[in-house]
Amino acid sequence: MVNVYFLPIEKINKLEEFFDKFGIFDEKFKENDKVGLKMHFGNSNHKNQVLPDFVFPVVNKLKEKKVFSFLTDTNVLYRGERDDTFSHLEVIYKNGYHKLGVPILIAGGFDADYEFEIDIDGKQFKKLYYAKEYQKFNGIIPITHFKGHGLAGIGGTIKNVGMGCASRRGKFAMHSNITPIINISKCAGCGKCVRECHFQAISLKENKAYIDKEICKGCAWCIHICPSGAINISWGSVSTKEFQERIVEYAYGFIEFYKDKFLAINFLINIAEDCDCASNPGRIISKDIGVCVSEDPVAVDKCSSDLIKEVNGKDVFLEIRPNLDYTYQFYYAEKIGLGSTKYKLIVF
């Protein structure tokens, strides 16, 4: 059984006192450690993400310990805000994260294909692909806005780390089967995807792009570079259980890489139907609850969902997606050794 520390929403202005009381940063991170604060910087159309004011106490405690911390995320797979470094930084500045006074690193390179591999003997994967810069960190602290998610059911620490730290190829592997799909009506036949495909898997047939499934390696580069937005993810090709297994395996590989230099912080505030990626994440489905912190990614997510259910008197995530059992990820994660579903709640 592992500890999950809980700060109720009524005491949200006492985050630093909360960290101090339980010695949350005392032994884990040392002077001169390089620690990434894994963020989701949200969208410029809303403020549902973890706001800079809530991140500041984390930054401040690490500064006191002379830990070198910085904010980090990777570029997204789909077309839109944050799909390249320029647009990602624009969102970051619009949402005020630069005011925290620490460096900001968009990992994985401008095109999100700068990566390193980790081998795994998983059910879904044998190789995992992450943003290359994450090899150089001493530790990682995912700061997560807990909310709903269309494929995982919930977006917690497991999703923040599993999906958020992967390279473009890794993100595509989690979302879809190996071959992207082409919307013929949008394809302009310009040939850019043919010229830039790393594996010569694309050709033009009758002036429209065609992807050879036997050659395609699923790197998703064509999705990024298509000027017409005609190439996309085959969203429906993976079941919700498969998707949960995939993000769990990606979270497992990444967290194992850092061993004991990992700490998860979940903010249970502005809990919406959908992910912060969306320009409209939907309605708020829960009361604000507080902050959960743990060394265990499974326990912190399980505890977060339990608290939301308890406070609201119902499972708000199952209510909006009754056919999506998000709890499957907890038990699959426990099965492969990512963490524990059993925890001790320690309240501030």
Protein backbone atom coordinates (compact mmCIF):
# COMPACT_ATOMS: atom_id res chain seq x y z
CA MET A 1 0.00 0.00 0.00
CA VAL A 2 1.33 3.42 -1.00
CA ASN A 3 0.66 6.91 0.29
CA VAL A 4 -1.44 9.46 -1.57
CA TYR A 5 -1.32 12.92 -0.01
CA PHE A 6 -4.43 15.06 -0.38
CA LEU A 7 -4.92 18.82 -0.11
CA PRO A 8 -8.66 19.73 -0.02
CA ILE A 9 -9.82 22.51 -2.29
CA GLU A 10 -10.61 24.74 0.70
CA LYS A 11 -6.86 24.88 1.42
CA ILE A 12 -5.65 25.30 -2.16
CA ASN A 13 -3.80 28.50 -1.19
CA LYS A 14 -1.60 26.44 1.17
CA LEU A 15 0.17 24.31 -1.42
CA GLU A 16 3.68 25.10 -0.17
CA GLU A 17 2.68 24.32 3.44
CA PHE A 18 1.19 21.06 2.18
CA PHE A 19 4.44 20.11 0.44
CA ASP A 20 6.47 21.03 3.53
CA LYS A 21 4.32 19.17 6.06
CA PHE A 22 4.69 15.84 4.30
CA GLY A 23 8.26 16.40 3.09
CA ILE A 24 7.13 15.69 -0.44
CA PHE A 25 10.31 17.00 -2.11
CA ASP A 26 12.74 16.35 0.76
CA GLU A 27 14.48 13.11 -0.24
CA LYS A 28 13.47 12.57 -3.83
CA PHE A 29 15.30 15.35 -5.67
CA LYS A 30 18.82 16.58 -4.90
CA GLU A 31 20.79 19.74 -5.56
CA ASN A 32 21.65 20.16 -9.26
CA ASP A 33 19.19 17.47 -10.38
CA LYS A 34 17.58 18.28 -13.73
CA VAL A 35 13.86 17.74 -13.24
CA GLY A 36 11.21 18.21 -15.90
CA LEU A 37 7.77 19.43 -14.87
CA LYS A 38 5.65 17.58 -17.43
CA MET A 39 2.80 19.92 -18.29
CA HIS A 40 -0.16 20.06 -20.61
CA PHE A 41 -0.24 23.74 -21.61
CA GLY A 42 -3.83 23.55 -22.78
CA ASN A 43 -5.47 25.58 -25.51
CA SER A 44 -5.65 29.30 -26.17
CA ASN A 45 -9.48 29.19 -26.15
CA HIS A 46 -9.94 28.20 -22.51
CA LYS A 47 -8.22 28.09 -19.09
CA ASN A 48 -9.05 24.52 -18.05
CA GLN A 49 -5.42 23.41 -17.68
CA VAL A 50 -3.34 23.67 -14.49
CA LEU A 51 -2.81 27.42 -14.28
CA PRO A 52 0.62 28.99 -13.63
CA ASP A 53 -0.41 30.13 -10.13
CA PHE A 54 -0.79 26.48 -9.11
CA VAL A 55 2.54 25.49 -10.68
CA PHE A 56 4.47 28.24 -8.90
CA PRO A 57 4.61 26.47 -5.47
CA VAL A 58 6.21 23.43 -7.14
CA VAL A 59 8.77 25.61 -8.93
CA ASN A 60 9.47 27.50 -5.69
CA LYS A 61 10.08 24.37 -3.56
CA LEU A 62 12.48 22.97 -6.16
CA LYS A 63 14.34 26.29 -6.31
CA GLU A 64 14.76 26.15 -2.53
CA LYS A 65 16.44 22.75 -2.96
CA LYS A 66 18.63 24.15 -5.79
CA VAL A 67 17.08 21.71 -8.23
CA PHE A 68 17.21 22.80 -11.88
CA SER A 69 13.58 22.53 -12.98
CA PHE A 70 11.89 23.43 -16.23
CA LEU A 71 8.48 23.09 -17.86
CA THR A 72 8.19 20.57 -20.65
CA ASP A 73 5.82 18.89 -23.08
CA THR A 74 5.94 17.42 -26.59
CA ASN A 75 4.23 18.55 -29.77
CA VAL A 76 0.92 16.86 -30.55
CA LEU A 77 0.21 14.36 -33.31
CA TYR A 78 -2.92 15.89 -34.83
CA ARG A 79 -3.15 19.11 -36.83
CA GLY A 80 -3.89 22.25 -34.83
CA GLU A 81 -2.51 24.21 -31.90
CA ARG A 82 0.73 22.77 -30.48
CA ASP A 83 1.47 20.58 -33.52
CA ASP A 84 4.80 22.36 -33.99
CA THR A 85 7.12 24.19 -31.62
CA PHE A 86 6.18 27.71 -32.76
CA SER A 87 2.44 27.25 -32.20
CA HIS A 88 3.11 25.37 -28.97
CA LEU A 89 5.19 28.22 -27.58
CA GLU A 90 2.51 30.68 -28.66
CA VAL A 91 -0.06 28.83 -26.52
CA ILE A 92 2.38 28.72 -23.61
CA TYR A 93 2.90 32.48 -23.73
CA LYS A 94 -0.80 33.23 -24.18
CA ASN A 95 -1.52 31.18 -21.07
CA GLY A 96 1.20 32.88 -19.03
CA TYR A 97 3.58 30.03 -18.19
CA HIS A 98 6.65 32.09 -19.13
CA LYS A 99 5.95 34.21 -16.04
CA LEU A 100 7.07 31.34 -13.79
CA GLY A 101 10.68 32.27 -14.52
CA VAL A 102 11.96 28.79 -15.43
CA PRO A 103 13.05 27.43 -18.82
CA ILE A 104 10.51 25.85 -21.15
CA LEU A 105 11.48 22.85 -23.28
CA ILE A 106 9.34 21.45 -26.10
CA ALA A 107 10.93 18.01 -26.31
CA GLY A 108 11.22 15.82 -29.38
CA GLY A 109 12.40 18.49 -31.81
CA PHE A 110 10.42 20.86 -34.01
CA ASP A 111 8.77 17.96 -35.86
CA ALA A 112 8.44 15.63 -32.82
CA ASP A 113 10.57 12.93 -34.48
CA TYR A 114 13.73 13.33 -32.36
CA GLU A 115 13.37 10.20 -30.27
CA PHE A 116 14.93 7.39 -28.28
CA GLU A 117 13.80 3.79 -27.89
CA ILE A 118 13.04 1.65 -24.85
CA ASP A 119 12.52 -2.10 -25.20
CA ILE A 120 9.57 -3.66 -23.43
CA ASP A 121 8.02 -7.12 -23.35
CA GLY A 122 4.47 -5.80 -23.43
CA LYS A 123 1.17 -7.11 -24.69
CA GLN A 124 0.83 -4.22 -27.14
CA PHE A 125 4.44 -3.15 -27.75
CA LYS A 126 8.00 -4.44 -27.89
CA LYS A 127 9.54 -1.02 -28.54
CA LEU A 128 8.52 2.36 -27.16
CA TYR A 129 9.48 5.75 -28.63
CA TYR A 130 9.93 8.88 -26.50
CA ALA A 131 11.17 12.43 -27.03
CA LYS A 132 14.97 12.25 -27.10
CA GLU A 133 15.68 15.02 -24.57
CA TYR A 134 13.97 13.05 -21.80
CA GLN A 135 17.01 10.75 -21.74
CA LYS A 136 19.00 13.60 -20.17
CA PHE A 137 16.72 14.36 -17.20
CA ASN A 138 17.40 13.17 -13.66
CA GLY A 139 13.71 13.13 -12.78
CA ILE A 140 10.19 13.93 -13.88
CA ILE A 141 7.17 15.48 -12.13
CA PRO A 142 3.96 15.29 -14.17
CA ILE A 143 1.64 18.13 -13.14
CA THR A 144 -1.71 16.91 -14.37
CA HIS A 145 -5.16 18.41 -14.75
CA PHE A 146 -7.51 15.48 -14.04
CA LYS A 147 -10.47 15.38 -16.46
CA GLY A 148 -12.44 13.21 -18.87
CA HIS A 149 -11.04 11.77 -22.11
CA GLY A 150 -12.77 10.36 -25.20
CA LEU A 151 -10.62 7.22 -25.52
CA ALA A 152 -9.12 6.64 -22.07
CA GLY A 153 -12.22 7.72 -20.13
CA ILE A 154 -10.04 9.88 -17.89
CA GLY A 155 -6.97 12.02 -18.44
CA GLY A 156 -4.75 11.59 -15.38
CA THR A 157 -1.07 11.03 -14.68
CA ILE A 158 -0.94 7.79 -16.68
CA LYS A 159 -2.26 9.55 -19.77
CA ASN A 160 -0.14 12.69 -19.19
CA VAL A 161 3.05 10.61 -19.07
CA GLY A 162 2.18 7.78 -21.44
CA MET A 163 0.88 9.88 -24.30
CA GLY A 164 2.52 13.18 -23.45
CA CYS A 165 6.15 12.01 -23.38
CA ALA A 166 6.05 9.93 -26.55
CA SER A 167 7.52 11.01 -29.87
CA ARG A 168 5.25 11.46 -32.89
CA ARG A 169 5.73 7.81 -33.83
CA GLY A 170 4.89 6.72 -30.29
CA LYS A 171 1.75 8.86 -30.18
CA PHE A 172 0.55 7.42 -33.48
CA ALA A 173 1.23 3.86 -32.31
CA MET A 174 -1.02 4.41 -29.29
CA HIS A 175 -3.85 6.04 -31.22
CA SER A 176 -4.12 3.90 -34.29
CA ASN A 177 -3.17 0.81 -36.22
CA ILE A 178 -0.10 1.25 -38.34
CA THR A 179 -1.39 3.08 -41.44
CA PRO A 180 -2.80 6.64 -41.53
CA ILE A 181 -5.92 7.23 -43.60
CA ILE A 182 -6.31 9.60 -46.56
CA ASN A 183 -9.37 11.75 -47.17
CA ILE A 184 -9.46 11.63 -50.96
CA SER A 185 -11.80 14.62 -51.18
CA LYS A 186 -9.18 16.78 -49.42
CA CYS A 187 -6.10 15.41 -51.19
CA ALA A 188 -4.76 17.95 -53.71
CA GLY A 189 -2.36 15.49 -55.31
CA CYS A 190 0.58 17.83 -54.62
CA GLY A 191 2.98 14.94 -53.97
CA LYS A 192 4.59 16.44 -50.86
CA CYS A 193 3.84 13.29 -48.83
CA VAL A 194 5.36 11.16 -51.62
CA ARG A 195 8.57 13.19 -51.61
CA GLU A 196 8.90 13.36 -47.81
CA CYS A 197 7.84 9.84 -46.75
CA HIS A 198 10.80 8.36 -44.88
CA PHE A 199 10.00 4.82 -46.10
CA GLN A 200 8.80 5.45 -49.70
CA ALA A 201 5.41 4.05 -48.70
CA ILE A 202 3.33 6.71 -50.50
CA SER A 203 2.65 7.11 -54.20
CA LEU A 204 0.18 9.02 -56.37
CA LYS A 205 -2.58 7.05 -58.04
CA GLU A 206 -4.89 8.98 -60.33
CA ASN A 207 -3.44 12.17 -58.84
CA LYS A 208 -4.34 11.17 -55.27
CA ALA A 209 -2.05 9.95 -52.48
CA TYR A 210 -2.00 6.23 -51.75
CA ILE A 211 -0.29 4.60 -48.74
CA ASP A 212 1.05 1.06 -49.09
CA LYS A 213 0.19 -0.69 -45.80
CA GLU A 214 2.92 -3.27 -46.35
CA ILE A 215 5.64 -0.60 -46.41
CA CYS A 216 4.26 2.04 -44.00
CA LYS A 217 6.00 2.05 -40.58
CA GLY A 218 3.49 4.29 -38.81
CA CYS A 219 5.82 7.22 -38.14
CA ALA A 220 2.94 9.67 -38.80
CA TRP A 221 5.21 12.16 -40.57
CA CYS A 222 2.75 12.43 -43.46
CA ILE A 223 -0.01 13.58 -41.09
CA HIS A 224 2.18 16.45 -39.99
CA ILE A 225 3.40 17.67 -43.37
CA CYS A 226 0.28 17.33 -45.56
CA PRO A 227 -0.59 20.94 -46.56
CA SER A 228 -4.25 20.04 -47.17
CA GLY A 229 -4.82 18.20 -43.89
CA ALA A 230 -5.92 15.19 -45.95
CA ILE A 231 -4.01 12.56 -43.96
CA ASN A 232 -5.20 11.65 -40.50
CA ILE A 233 -5.35 9.14 -37.68
CA SER A 234 -7.65 6.16 -38.03
CA TRP A 235 -9.30 6.98 -34.70
CA GLY A 236 -11.71 4.06 -34.66
CA SER A 237 -9.13 1.37 -35.40
CA VAL A 238 -8.21 0.80 -31.74
CA SER A 239 -10.65 -0.28 -29.03
CA THR A 240 -10.78 1.67 -25.78
CA LYS A 241 -9.27 -1.32 -23.93
CA GLU A 242 -6.40 -1.52 -26.42
CA PHE A 243 -5.86 2.22 -26.11
CA GLN A 244 -5.71 2.00 -22.33
CA GLU A 245 -3.21 -0.87 -22.53
CA ARG A 246 -1.07 1.14 -24.93
CA ILE A 247 -0.87 4.30 -22.83
CA VAL A 248 -0.21 2.19 -19.72
CA GLU A 249 2.70 0.42 -21.41
CA TYR A 250 4.11 3.78 -22.55
CA ALA A 251 3.74 5.17 -19.03
CA TYR A 252 5.43 2.06 -17.61
CA GLY A 253 8.48 2.31 -19.89
CA PHE A 254 8.95 5.99 -19.16
CA ILE A 255 8.50 5.87 -15.39
CA GLU A 256 10.75 2.81 -15.08
CA PHE A 257 13.44 4.83 -16.85
CA TYR A 258 13.45 7.35 -13.97
CA LYS A 259 13.09 4.76 -11.17
CA ASP A 260 12.68 6.62 -7.85
CA LYS A 261 12.97 10.11 -9.40
CA PHE A 262 9.28 10.34 -10.15
CA LEU A 263 6.48 12.25 -8.43
CA ALA A 264 2.89 12.75 -9.63
CA ILE A 265 0.69 15.76 -8.85
CA ASN A 266 -2.98 15.68 -9.90
CA PHE A 267 -5.14 18.81 -9.78
CA LEU A 268 -8.84 17.97 -9.36
CA ILE A 269 -10.11 21.37 -10.46
CA ASN A 270 -12.29 22.40 -13.44
CA ILE A 271 -12.99 18.74 -14.14
CA ALA A 272 -14.44 18.76 -17.65
CA GLU A 273 -15.87 16.15 -20.02
CA ASP A 274 -12.90 16.20 -22.37
CA CYS A 275 -9.17 16.79 -22.68
CA ASP A 276 -7.48 20.18 -22.40
CA CYS A 277 -6.37 19.71 -26.04
CA ALA A 278 -9.88 20.51 -27.23
CA SER A 279 -10.80 24.08 -28.11
CA ASN A 280 -14.01 23.32 -26.19
CA PRO A 281 -13.45 20.65 -23.50
CA GLY A 282 -17.16 20.53 -22.73
CA ARG A 283 -19.09 21.12 -19.55
CA ILE A 284 -17.70 20.89 -16.03
CA ILE A 285 -18.91 17.56 -14.61
CA SER A 286 -17.69 17.73 -11.01
CA LYS A 287 -17.20 20.01 -8.06
CA ASP A 288 -13.61 21.17 -7.47
CA ILE A 289 -11.95 18.77 -5.02
CA GLY A 290 -8.28 19.51 -4.43
CA VAL A 291 -4.81 18.14 -5.14
CA CYS A 292 -3.46 14.56 -4.93
CA VAL A 293 0.27 13.77 -4.77
CA SER A 294 2.01 10.38 -4.83
CA GLU A 295 5.11 8.53 -5.96
CA ASP A 296 2.77 5.96 -7.52
CA PRO A 297 1.07 6.87 -10.84
CA VAL A 298 -1.63 4.22 -10.50
CA ALA A 299 -2.52 5.08 -6.91
CA VAL A 300 -2.72 8.82 -7.61
CA ASP A 301 -5.09 8.30 -10.56
CA LYS A 302 -7.19 5.70 -8.74
CA CYS A 303 -7.43 7.96 -5.68
CA SER A 304 -8.36 10.96 -7.84
CA SER A 305 -11.21 9.09 -9.48
CA ASP A 306 -12.36 7.68 -6.12
CA LEU A 307 -12.48 11.16 -4.57
CA ILE A 308 -14.45 12.55 -7.51
CA LYS A 309 -16.94 9.70 -7.21
CA GLU A 310 -17.25 10.16 -3.45
CA VAL A 311 -17.74 13.93 -3.54
CA ASN A 312 -20.31 13.80 -6.34
CA GLY A 313 -22.14 10.71 -5.11
CA LYS A 314 -21.80 9.06 -8.52
CA ASP A 315 -19.23 8.17 -11.16
CA VAL A 316 -19.34 11.24 -13.39
CA PHE A 317 -16.98 9.71 -15.95
CA LEU A 318 -19.09 6.57 -16.44
CA GLU A 319 -22.20 8.72 -16.53
CA ILE A 320 -21.03 10.57 -19.65
CA ARG A 321 -19.39 7.47 -21.24
CA PRO A 322 -21.27 4.44 -19.86
CA ASN A 323 -19.58 2.03 -22.30
CA LEU A 324 -16.03 3.14 -21.47
CA ASP A 325 -14.67 1.46 -18.35
CA TYR A 326 -11.74 3.74 -17.54
CA THR A 327 -10.86 1.65 -14.45
CA TYR A 328 -9.45 -1.03 -16.75
CA GLN A 329 -6.23 1.00 -17.05
CA PHE A 330 -5.67 0.85 -13.27
CA TYR A 331 -5.80 -2.92 -13.12
CA TYR A 332 -3.80 -3.44 -16.30
CA ALA A 333 -1.18 -1.02 -14.92
CA GLU A 334 -1.09 -2.93 -11.63
CA LYS A 335 -0.75 -6.23 -13.51
CA ILE A 336 2.35 -5.10 -15.43
CA GLY A 337 3.97 -3.52 -12.36
CA LEU A 338 3.42 0.18 -12.98
CA GLY A 339 1.90 0.77 -9.55
CA SER A 340 -0.75 -0.19 -7.03
CA THR A 341 -4.52 0.29 -6.85
CA LYS A 342 -4.26 0.06 -3.06
CA TYR A 343 -3.35 3.28 -1.29
CA LYS A 344 -3.47 5.09 2.03
CA LEU A 345 -5.05 8.56 1.84
CA ILE A 346 -3.26 11.13 4.00
CA VAL A 347 -5.20 14.40 4.30
CA PHE A 348 -3.69 17.83 5.03
